[in-house]
Amino acid sequence: MIFKVHWIIDGIAEIDAKSKTEAEKIVQEGLENYVKESDVLMNKFVAKSIQGTAYEPGSDENKKKNEDENTKTNTDLENS
């Protein structure tokens, strides 16, 4: 029997850049090139998208963590 599996890889990279936009661009271009050059990722695992967002460590990091926790809590409540 064939099953389709939707997969997500989560990671955090520390990038030295002049802006959030530049940091996102650096990571996106690097990951896109890596995926395109990987026969396994392109053909076996059929990578379809890359998504990410930059934030400043500290208050932005705490804000993002709180948003992620609120999203998880809301999802958990909806599923119960």
PDB file of N, CA and C in Angstrom:
ATOM      1  N   MET A   1       0.835  -1.162   0.000  1.00  0.00           N
ATOM      2  CA  MET A   1       0.000   0.000   0.000  1.00  0.00           C
ATOM      3  C   MET A   1       0.893   1.243   0.000  1.00  0.00           C
ATOM      4  N   ILE A   2       0.521   2.258  -0.764  1.00  0.00           N
ATOM      5  CA  ILE A   2       1.271   3.505  -0.854  1.00  0.00           C
ATOM      6  C   ILE A   2       0.654   4.535   0.089  1.00  0.00           C
ATOM      7  N   PHE A   3       1.497   5.190   0.866  1.00  0.00           N
ATOM      8  CA  PHE A   3       1.072   6.279   1.741  1.00  0.00           C
ATOM      9  C   PHE A   3       1.809   7.541   1.342  1.00  0.00           C
ATOM     10  N   LYS A   4       1.140   8.667   1.398  1.00  0.00           N
ATOM     11  CA  LYS A   4       1.799   9.953   1.202  1.00  0.00           C
ATOM     12  C   LYS A   4       2.139  10.506   2.573  1.00  0.00           C
ATOM     13  N   VAL A   5       3.338  11.023   2.713  1.00  0.00           N
ATOM     14  CA  VAL A   5       3.796  11.574   3.982  1.00  0.00           C
ATOM     15  C   VAL A   5       4.185  13.031   3.760  1.00  0.00           C
ATOM     16  N   HIS A   6       3.520  13.928   4.472  1.00  0.00           N
ATOM     17  CA  HIS A   6       3.855  15.351   4.426  1.00  0.00           C
ATOM     18  C   HIS A   6       4.899  15.590   5.498  1.00  0.00           C
ATOM     19  N   TRP A   7       6.056  16.109   5.128  1.00  0.00           N
ATOM     20  CA  TRP A   7       7.121  16.287   6.093  1.00  0.00           C
ATOM     21  C   TRP A   7       7.559  17.741   6.150  1.00  0.00           C
ATOM     22  N   ILE A   8       8.022  18.142   7.304  1.00  0.00           N
ATOM     23  CA  ILE A   8       8.506  19.493   7.536  1.00  0.00           C
ATOM     24  C   ILE A   8       9.813  19.381   8.304  1.00  0.00           C
ATOM     25  N   ILE A   9      10.780  20.169   7.896  1.00  0.00           N
ATOM     26  CA  ILE A   9      12.052  20.237   8.624  1.00  0.00           C
ATOM     27  C   ILE A   9      12.124  21.627   9.250  1.00  0.00           C
ATOM     28  N   ASP A  10      12.350  21.681  10.543  1.00  0.00           N
ATOM     29  CA  ASP A  10      12.421  22.944  11.266  1.00  0.00           C
ATOM     30  C   ASP A  10      13.856  23.172  11.712  1.00  0.00           C
ATOM     31  N   GLY A  11      14.342  24.376  11.558  1.00  0.00           N
ATOM     32  CA  GLY A  11      15.697  24.670  11.991  1.00  0.00           C
ATOM     33  C   GLY A  11      15.886  26.153  12.247  1.00  0.00           C
ATOM     34  N   ILE A  12      16.970  26.486  12.898  1.00  0.00           N
ATOM     35  CA  ILE A  12      17.318  27.881  13.161  1.00  0.00           C
ATOM     36  C   ILE A  12      18.785  28.072  12.799  1.00  0.00           C
ATOM     37  N   ALA A  13      19.045  29.077  11.965  1.00  0.00           N
ATOM     38  CA  ALA A  13      20.414  29.416  11.582  1.00  0.00           C
ATOM     39  C   ALA A  13      20.712  30.825  12.081  1.00  0.00           C
ATOM     40  N   GLU A  14      21.899  31.041  12.579  1.00  0.00           N
ATOM     41  CA  GLU A  14      22.315  32.385  12.967  1.00  0.00           C
ATOM     42  C   GLU A  14      23.061  32.987  11.778  1.00  0.00           C
ATOM     43  N   ILE A  15      22.517  34.077  11.221  1.00  0.00           N
ATOM     44  CA  ILE A  15      23.041  34.689  10.004  1.00  0.00           C
ATOM     45  C   ILE A  15      23.464  36.121  10.295  1.00  0.00           C
ATOM     46  N   ASP A  16      24.667  36.489   9.885  1.00  0.00           N
ATOM     47  CA  ASP A  16      25.143  37.867   9.998  1.00  0.00           C
ATOM     48  C   ASP A  16      24.681  38.619   8.762  1.00  0.00           C
ATOM     49  N   ALA A  17      23.760  39.562   8.934  1.00  0.00           N
ATOM     50  CA  ALA A  17      23.208  40.310   7.808  1.00  0.00           C
ATOM     51  C   ALA A  17      22.850  41.716   8.262  1.00  0.00           C
ATOM     52  N   LYS A  18      22.572  42.585   7.281  1.00  0.00           N
ATOM     53  CA  LYS A  18      22.235  43.980   7.584  1.00  0.00           C
ATOM     54  C   LYS A  18      20.760  44.162   7.919  1.00  0.00           C
ATOM     55  N   SER A  19      19.925  43.203   7.524  1.00  0.00           N
ATOM     56  CA  SER A  19      18.487  43.316   7.783  1.00  0.00           C
ATOM     57  C   SER A  19      17.866  41.925   7.864  1.00  0.00           C
ATOM     58  N   LYS A  20      16.646  41.876   8.376  1.00  0.00           N
ATOM     59  CA  LYS A  20      15.918  40.607   8.421  1.00  0.00           C
ATOM     60  C   LYS A  20      15.715  40.069   7.014  1.00  0.00           C
ATOM     61  N   THR A  21      15.372  40.969   6.082  1.00  0.00           N
ATOM     62  CA  THR A  21      15.135  40.555   4.695  1.00  0.00           C
ATOM     63  C   THR A  21      16.380  39.932   4.089  1.00  0.00           C
ATOM     64  N   GLU A  22      17.529  40.547   4.336  1.00  0.00           N
ATOM     65  CA  GLU A  22      18.782  40.008   3.806  1.00  0.00           C
ATOM     66  C   GLU A  22      19.090  38.640   4.433  1.00  0.00           C
ATOM     67  N   ALA A  23      18.865  38.501   5.739  1.00  0.00           N
ATOM     68  CA  ALA A  23      19.118  37.224   6.412  1.00  0.00           C
ATOM     69  C   ALA A  23      18.227  36.131   5.828  1.00  0.00           C
ATOM     70  N   GLU A  24      16.950  36.446   5.619  1.00  0.00           N
ATOM     71  CA  GLU A  24      16.019  35.470   5.030  1.00  0.00           C
ATOM     72  C   GLU A  24      16.470  35.078   3.632  1.00  0.00           C
ATOM     73  N   LYS A  25      16.914  36.065   2.849  1.00  0.00           N
ATOM     74  CA  LYS A  25      17.351  35.802   1.464  1.00  0.00           C
ATOM     75  C   LYS A  25      18.582  34.883   1.449  1.00  0.00           C
ATOM     76  N   ILE A  26      19.524  35.150   2.339  1.00  0.00           N
ATOM     77  CA  ILE A  26      20.739  34.323   2.408  1.00  0.00           C
ATOM     78  C   ILE A  26      20.377  32.866   2.690  1.00  0.00           C
ATOM     79  N   VAL A  27      19.512  32.643   3.680  1.00  0.00           N
ATOM     80  CA  VAL A  27      19.133  31.275   4.037  1.00  0.00           C
ATOM     81  C   VAL A  27      18.310  30.641   2.918  1.00  0.00           C
ATOM     82  N   GLN A  28      17.343  31.369   2.373  1.00  0.00           N
ATOM     83  CA  GLN A  28      16.497  30.812   1.323  1.00  0.00           C
ATOM     84  C   GLN A  28      17.315  30.399   0.110  1.00  0.00           C
ATOM     85  N   GLU A  29      18.208  31.268  -0.339  1.00  0.00           N
ATOM     86  CA  GLU A  29      19.026  30.932  -1.511  1.00  0.00           C
ATOM     87  C   GLU A  29      19.917  29.730  -1.229  1.00  0.00           C
ATOM     88  N   GLY A  30      20.504  29.677  -0.041  1.00  0.00           N
ATOM     89  CA  GLY A  30      21.370  28.549   0.301  1.00  0.00           C
ATOM     90  C   GLY A  30      20.600  27.238   0.343  1.00  0.00           C
ATOM     91  N   LEU A  31      19.425  27.254   0.974  1.00  0.00           N
ATOM     92  CA  LEU A  31      18.617  26.033   1.056  1.00  0.00           C
ATOM     93  C   LEU A  31      18.068  25.619  -0.308  1.00  0.00           C
ATOM     94  N   GLU A  32      17.616  26.598  -1.097  1.00  0.00           N
ATOM     95  CA  GLU A  32      17.106  26.263  -2.430  1.00  0.00           C
ATOM     96  C   GLU A  32      18.188  25.610  -3.275  1.00  0.00           C
ATOM     97  N   ASN A  33      19.393  26.166  -3.241  1.00  0.00           N
ATOM     98  CA  ASN A  33      20.494  25.573  -4.002  1.00  0.00           C
ATOM     99  C   ASN A  33      20.803  24.165  -3.509  1.00  0.00           C
ATOM    100  N   TYR A  34      20.810  23.974  -2.199  1.00  0.00           N
ATOM    101  CA  TYR A  34      21.094  22.658  -1.634  1.00  0.00           C
ATOM    102  C   TYR A  34      20.049  21.637  -2.086  1.00  0.00           C
ATOM    103  N   VAL A  35      18.781  22.021  -1.998  1.00  0.00           N
ATOM    104  CA  VAL A  35      17.698  21.109  -2.379  1.00  0.00           C
ATOM    105  C   VAL A  35      17.761  20.797  -3.874  1.00  0.00           C
ATOM    106  N   LYS A  36      17.967  21.815  -4.703  1.00  0.00           N
ATOM    107  CA  LYS A  36      18.010  21.610  -6.157  1.00  0.00           C
ATOM    108  C   LYS A  36      19.158  20.693  -6.567  1.00  0.00           C
ATOM    109  N   GLU A  37      20.255  20.743  -5.824  1.00  0.00           N
ATOM    110  CA  GLU A  37      21.420  19.918  -6.154  1.00  0.00           C
ATOM    111  C   GLU A  37      21.328  18.508  -5.573  1.00  0.00           C
ATOM    112  N   SER A  38      20.317  18.260  -4.757  1.00  0.00           N
ATOM    113  CA  SER A  38      20.167  16.949  -4.127  1.00  0.00           C
ATOM    114  C   SER A  38      19.141  16.112  -4.886  1.00  0.00           C
ATOM    115  N   ASP A  39      19.615  15.093  -5.566  1.00  0.00           N
ATOM    116  CA  ASP A  39      18.724  14.199  -6.308  1.00  0.00           C
ATOM    117  C   ASP A  39      17.720  13.527  -5.365  1.00  0.00           C
ATOM    118  N   VAL A  40      18.177  13.160  -4.184  1.00  0.00           N
ATOM    119  CA  VAL A  40      17.295  12.491  -3.213  1.00  0.00           C
ATOM    120  C   VAL A  40      16.184  13.435  -2.762  1.00  0.00           C
ATOM    121  N   LEU A  41      16.526  14.674  -2.406  1.00  0.00           N
ATOM    122  CA  LEU A  41      15.497  15.618  -1.956  1.00  0.00           C
ATOM    123  C   LEU A  41      14.530  15.980  -3.082  1.00  0.00           C
ATOM    124  N   MET A  42      15.035  16.139  -4.277  1.00  0.00           N
ATOM    125  CA  MET A  42      14.174  16.553  -5.393  1.00  0.00           C
ATOM    126  C   MET A  42      13.307  15.412  -5.908  1.00  0.00           C
ATOM    127  N   ASN A  43      13.814  14.205  -5.922  1.00  0.00           N
ATOM    128  CA  ASN A  43      13.105  13.106  -6.576  1.00  0.00           C
ATOM    129  C   ASN A  43      12.523  12.051  -5.635  1.00  0.00           C
ATOM    130  N   LYS A  44      13.212  11.737  -4.558  1.00  0.00           N
ATOM    131  CA  LYS A  44      12.675  10.739  -3.627  1.00  0.00           C
ATOM    132  C   LYS A  44      11.732  11.387  -2.608  1.00  0.00           C
ATOM    133  N   PHE A  45      12.191  12.485  -2.002  1.00  0.00           N
ATOM    134  CA  PHE A  45      11.383  13.141  -0.978  1.00  0.00           C
ATOM    135  C   PHE A  45      10.538  14.285  -1.549  1.00  0.00           C
ATOM    136  N   VAL A  46      10.717  14.607  -2.796  1.00  0.00           N
ATOM    137  CA  VAL A  46       9.940  15.595  -3.550  1.00  0.00           C
ATOM    138  C   VAL A  46       9.728  16.882  -2.739  1.00  0.00           C
ATOM    139  N   ALA A  47      10.837  17.551  -2.435  1.00  0.00           N
ATOM    140  CA  ALA A  47      10.767  18.821  -1.713  1.00  0.00           C
ATOM    141  C   ALA A  47      10.017  19.839  -2.561  1.00  0.00           C
ATOM    142  N   LYS A  48       9.025  20.491  -1.967  1.00  0.00           N
ATOM    143  CA  LYS A  48       8.167  21.413  -2.710  1.00  0.00           C
ATOM    144  C   LYS A  48       8.286  22.858  -2.257  1.00  0.00           C
ATOM    145  N   SER A  49       8.619  23.111  -1.014  1.00  0.00           N
ATOM    146  CA  SER A  49       8.661  24.501  -0.572  1.00  0.00           C
ATOM    147  C   SER A  49       9.660  24.693   0.556  1.00  0.00           C
ATOM    148  N   ILE A  50      10.078  25.941   0.680  1.00  0.00           N
ATOM    149  CA  ILE A  50      10.948  26.352   1.776  1.00  0.00           C
ATOM    150  C   ILE A  50      10.332  27.628   2.326  1.00  0.00           C
ATOM    151  N   GLN A  51      10.183  27.692   3.624  1.00  0.00           N
ATOM    152  CA  GLN A  51       9.561  28.859   4.234  1.00  0.00           C
ATOM    153  C   GLN A  51      10.295  29.207   5.508  1.00  0.00           C
ATOM    154  N   GLY A  52      10.469  30.475   5.762  1.00  0.00           N
ATOM    155  CA  GLY A  52      11.112  30.879   6.999  1.00  0.00           C
ATOM    156  C   GLY A  52      10.903  32.348   7.271  1.00  0.00           C
ATOM    157  N   THR A  53      11.262  32.757   8.459  1.00  0.00           N
ATOM    158  CA  THR A  53      11.164  34.160   8.831  1.00  0.00           C
ATOM    159  C   THR A  53      12.314  34.509   9.760  1.00  0.00           C
ATOM    160  N   ALA A  54      12.832  35.714   9.597  1.00  0.00           N
ATOM    161  CA  ALA A  54      13.938  36.175  10.439  1.00  0.00           C
ATOM    162  C   ALA A  54      13.393  36.945  11.629  1.00  0.00           C
ATOM    163  N   TYR A  55      14.135  36.915  12.721  1.00  0.00           N
ATOM    164  CA  TYR A  55      13.785  37.696  13.899  1.00  0.00           C
ATOM    165  C   TYR A  55      15.054  37.991  14.670  1.00  0.00           C
ATOM    166  N   GLU A  56      15.010  39.050  15.469  1.00  0.00           N
ATOM    167  CA  GLU A  56      16.152  39.410  16.288  1.00  0.00           C
ATOM    168  C   GLU A  56      16.102  38.635  17.600  1.00  0.00           C
ATOM    169  N   PRO A  57      17.234  38.058  18.022  1.00  0.00           N
ATOM    170  CA  PRO A  57      17.249  37.374  19.316  1.00  0.00           C
ATOM    171  C   PRO A  57      16.863  38.349  20.430  1.00  0.00           C
ATOM    172  N   GLY A  58      16.306  37.840  21.470  1.00  0.00           N
ATOM    173  CA  GLY A  58      15.886  38.694  22.575  1.00  0.00           C
ATOM    174  C   GLY A  58      14.385  38.838  22.580  1.00  0.00           C
ATOM    175  N   SER A  59      13.904  40.081  22.575  1.00  0.00           N
ATOM    176  CA  SER A  59      12.461  40.301  22.687  1.00  0.00           C
ATOM    177  C   SER A  59      11.703  39.691  21.511  1.00  0.00           C
ATOM    178  N   ASP A  60      12.240  39.800  20.283  1.00  0.00           N
ATOM    179  CA  ASP A  60      11.581  39.170  19.133  1.00  0.00           C
ATOM    180  C   ASP A  60      11.520  37.660  19.303  1.00  0.00           C
ATOM    181  N   GLU A  61      12.595  37.086  19.861  1.00  0.00           N
ATOM    182  CA  GLU A  61      12.654  35.643  20.060  1.00  0.00           C
ATOM    183  C   GLU A  61      11.605  35.205  21.081  1.00  0.00           C
ATOM    184  N   ASN A  62      11.478  35.947  22.164  1.00  0.00           N
ATOM    185  CA  ASN A  62      10.475  35.627  23.178  1.00  0.00           C
ATOM    186  C   ASN A  62       9.065  35.803  22.622  1.00  0.00           C
ATOM    187  N   LYS A  63       8.855  36.854  21.828  1.00  0.00           N
ATOM    188  CA  LYS A  63       7.549  37.097  21.217  1.00  0.00           C
ATOM    189  C   LYS A  63       7.185  35.933  20.294  1.00  0.00           C
ATOM    190  N   LYS A  64       8.141  35.479  19.466  1.00  0.00           N
ATOM    191  CA  LYS A  64       7.885  34.371  18.548  1.00  0.00           C
ATOM    192  C   LYS A  64       7.564  33.105  19.328  1.00  0.00           C
ATOM    193  N   LYS A  65       8.311  32.844  20.410  1.00  0.00           N
ATOM    194  CA  LYS A  65       8.070  31.656  21.227  1.00  0.00           C
ATOM    195  C   LYS A  65       6.661  31.691  21.802  1.00  0.00           C
ATOM    196  N   ASN A  66       6.241  32.853  22.305  1.00  0.00           N
ATOM    197  CA  ASN A  66       4.892  32.991  22.860  1.00  0.00           C
ATOM    198  C   ASN A  66       3.819  32.784  21.788  1.00  0.00           C
ATOM    199  N   GLU A  67       4.049  33.333  20.586  1.00  0.00           N
ATOM    200  CA  GLU A  67       3.097  33.146  19.490  1.00  0.00           C
ATOM    201  C   GLU A  67       2.985  31.670  19.118  1.00  0.00           C
ATOM    202  N   ASP A  68       4.131  30.972  19.057  1.00  0.00           N
ATOM    203  CA  ASP A  68       4.124  29.544  18.732  1.00  0.00           C
ATOM    204  C   ASP A  68       3.374  28.745  19.799  1.00  0.00           C
ATOM    205  N   GLU A  69       3.590  29.090  21.069  1.00  0.00           N
ATOM    206  CA  GLU A  69       2.902  28.388  22.155  1.00  0.00           C
ATOM    207  C   GLU A  69       1.401  28.646  22.104  1.00  0.00           C
ATOM    208  N   ASN A  70       0.994  29.895  21.795  1.00  0.00           N
ATOM    209  CA  ASN A  70      -0.431  30.221  21.686  1.00  0.00           C
ATOM    210  C   ASN A  70      -1.075  29.479  20.525  1.00  0.00           C
ATOM    211  N   THR A  71      -0.370  29.376  19.407  1.00  0.00           N
ATOM    212  CA  THR A  71      -0.890  28.649  18.254  1.00  0.00           C
ATOM    213  C   THR A  71      -1.081  27.183  18.600  1.00  0.00           C
ATOM    214  N   LYS A  72      -0.089  26.587  19.284  1.00  0.00           N
ATOM    215  CA  LYS A  72      -0.191  25.178  19.677  1.00  0.00           C
ATOM    216  C   LYS A  72      -1.354  24.974  20.638  1.00  0.00           C
ATOM    217  N   THR A  73      -1.490  25.869  21.611  1.00  0.00           N
ATOM    218  CA  THR A  73      -2.586  25.763  22.584  1.00  0.00           C
ATOM    219  C   THR A  73      -3.934  25.855  21.892  1.00  0.00           C
ATOM    220  N   ASN A  74      -4.077  26.805  20.983  1.00  0.00           N
ATOM    221  CA  ASN A  74      -5.340  26.952  20.245  1.00  0.00           C
ATOM    222  C   ASN A  74      -5.637  25.722  19.399  1.00  0.00           C
ATOM    223  N   THR A  75      -4.603  25.163  18.760  1.00  0.00           N
ATOM    224  CA  THR A  75      -4.779  23.965  17.944  1.00  0.00           C
ATOM    225  C   THR A  75      -5.184  22.781  18.815  1.00  0.00           C
ATOM    226  N   ASP A  76      -4.521  22.656  19.970  1.00  0.00           N
ATOM    227  CA  ASP A  76      -4.847  21.573  20.901  1.00  0.00           C
ATOM    228  C   ASP A  76      -6.296  21.676  21.368  1.00  0.00           C
ATOM    229  N   LEU A  77      -6.746  22.893  21.665  1.00  0.00           N
ATOM    230  CA  LEU A  77      -8.126  23.094  22.115  1.00  0.00           C
ATOM    231  C   LEU A  77      -9.115  22.756  21.010  1.00  0.00           C
ATOM    232  N   GLU A  78      -8.798  23.120  19.772  1.00  0.00           N
ATOM    233  CA  GLU A  78      -9.682  22.833  18.645  1.00  0.00           C
ATOM    234  C   GLU A  78      -9.788  21.327  18.401  1.00  0.00           C
ATOM    235  N   ASN A  79      -8.692  20.591  18.667  1.00  0.00           N
ATOM    236  CA  ASN A  79      -8.675  19.157  18.396  1.00  0.00           C
ATOM    237  C   ASN A  79      -9.242  18.325  19.534  1.00  0.00           C
ATOM    238  N   SER A  80      -9.562  18.952  20.679  1.00  0.00           N
ATOM    239  CA  SER A  80     -10.067  18.167  21.801  1.00  0.00           C
ATOM    240  C   SER A  80     -11.576  18.192  21.878  1.00  0.00           C
TER     241      SER A  80
END
